[in-house]
Protein backbone atom coordinates (compact mmCIF):
# COMPACT_ATOMS: atom_id res chain seq x y z
CA UNK A 1 98.26 134.02 119.12
CA UNK A 2 96.27 130.72 118.85
CA UNK A 3 97.78 130.03 114.89
CA UNK A 4 101.61 130.09 116.56
CA UNK A 5 100.16 127.66 119.22
CA UNK A 6 98.88 125.02 116.74
CA UNK A 7 101.98 125.36 114.28
CA UNK A 8 104.20 124.79 117.42
CA UNK A 9 102.57 121.38 117.81
CA UNK A 10 102.89 120.08 114.36
CA UNK A 11 105.36 116.80 114.32
CA UNK A 12 107.09 116.19 111.06
CA UNK A 13 108.69 112.81 109.66
CA UNK A 14 111.49 113.96 109.12
CA UNK A 15 113.15 113.22 112.46
CA UNK A 16 115.82 111.42 113.74
CA UNK A 17 113.57 108.33 115.05
CA UNK A 18 111.57 107.79 112.34
CA UNK A 19 115.42 107.69 109.75
CA UNK A 20 116.57 103.98 108.67
CA UNK A 21 120.04 103.11 109.54
CA UNK A 22 122.11 102.63 106.15
CA UNK A 23 125.29 101.32 107.85
CA UNK A 24 125.66 97.63 107.72
CA UNK A 25 126.55 97.44 112.05
CA UNK A 26 123.24 98.15 113.34
CA UNK A 27 120.76 96.55 115.66
CA UNK A 28 118.28 96.95 112.47
CA UNK A 29 117.86 93.97 110.34
CA UNK A 30 116.70 94.64 106.85
CA UNK A 31 115.06 91.79 105.39
CA UNK A 32 115.20 91.18 101.66
CA UNK A 33 112.33 89.26 100.66
CA UNK A 34 112.19 87.32 96.99
CA UNK A 35 109.79 89.48 94.44
CA UNK A 36 108.05 86.64 91.58
CA UNK A 37 110.79 84.19 92.80
CA UNK A 38 113.85 86.62 91.93
CA UNK A 39 116.52 87.08 94.68
CA UNK A 40 117.26 90.86 94.29
CA UNK A 41 120.86 91.92 95.47
CA UNK A 42 121.17 94.14 98.64
CA UNK A 43 121.01 97.60 97.94
CA UNK A 44 123.97 98.59 100.45
CA UNK A 45 126.06 96.05 99.01
CA UNK A 46 125.43 96.58 95.11
CA UNK A 47 123.75 100.46 95.11
CA UNK A 48 125.04 100.49 90.92
CA UNK A 49 122.71 97.78 90.34
CA UNK A 50 119.48 99.40 91.18
CA UNK A 51 121.06 102.64 89.60
CA UNK A 52 121.54 100.62 86.54
CA UNK A 53 117.87 99.75 87.10
CA UNK A 54 116.54 103.58 87.47
CA UNK A 55 118.51 104.78 84.69
CA UNK A 56 116.70 101.97 81.95
CA UNK A 57 113.62 103.27 83.60
CA UNK A 58 114.52 106.66 82.43
CA UNK A 59 115.60 105.86 79.29
CA UNK A 60 112.23 103.62 78.96
CA UNK A 61 110.43 106.62 79.28
CA UNK A 62 112.79 109.29 77.21
CA UNK A 63 112.11 106.45 74.29
CA UNK A 64 108.83 106.49 74.77
CA UNK A 65 108.40 109.73 74.73
CA UNK A 66 110.04 110.36 71.85
CA UNK A 67 107.66 107.64 69.82
CA UNK A 68 105.03 109.60 71.00
CA UNK A 69 105.89 112.40 69.87
CA UNK A 70 107.21 111.28 66.29
CA UNK A 71 104.04 109.71 66.04
CA UNK A 72 101.93 112.70 66.60
CA UNK A 73 103.64 114.80 64.22
CA UNK A 74 103.63 111.91 61.41
CA UNK A 75 100.29 111.95 62.23
CA UNK A 76 99.31 115.66 62.04
CA UNK A 77 101.37 116.29 58.85
CA UNK A 78 99.69 113.41 57.08
CA UNK A 79 96.50 114.49 58.79
CA UNK A 80 96.93 118.20 56.55
CA UNK A 81 98.22 116.83 53.96
CA UNK A 82 94.64 115.25 53.48
CA UNK A 83 92.65 118.02 54.38
CA UNK A 84 94.25 120.41 52.22
CA UNK A 85 94.77 118.41 49.13
């Protein structure tokens, strides 16, 4: 019975008081601070800009992975040819 009492006192951060409202007509002020001197667009007004950034990060990661795997395979093939002449 004690373990049930301990589990029942657990509070999650997934409660309404921890949510940030995403609609424009709220009393919560969203401030956009410039990073490295660049004024980034508001995410609520221009969400596809940030989707594009995430897509570019994903494509860059995929390209780096492909280049890494191709370098490993070509290096392994060259090493095996040198070792087993």
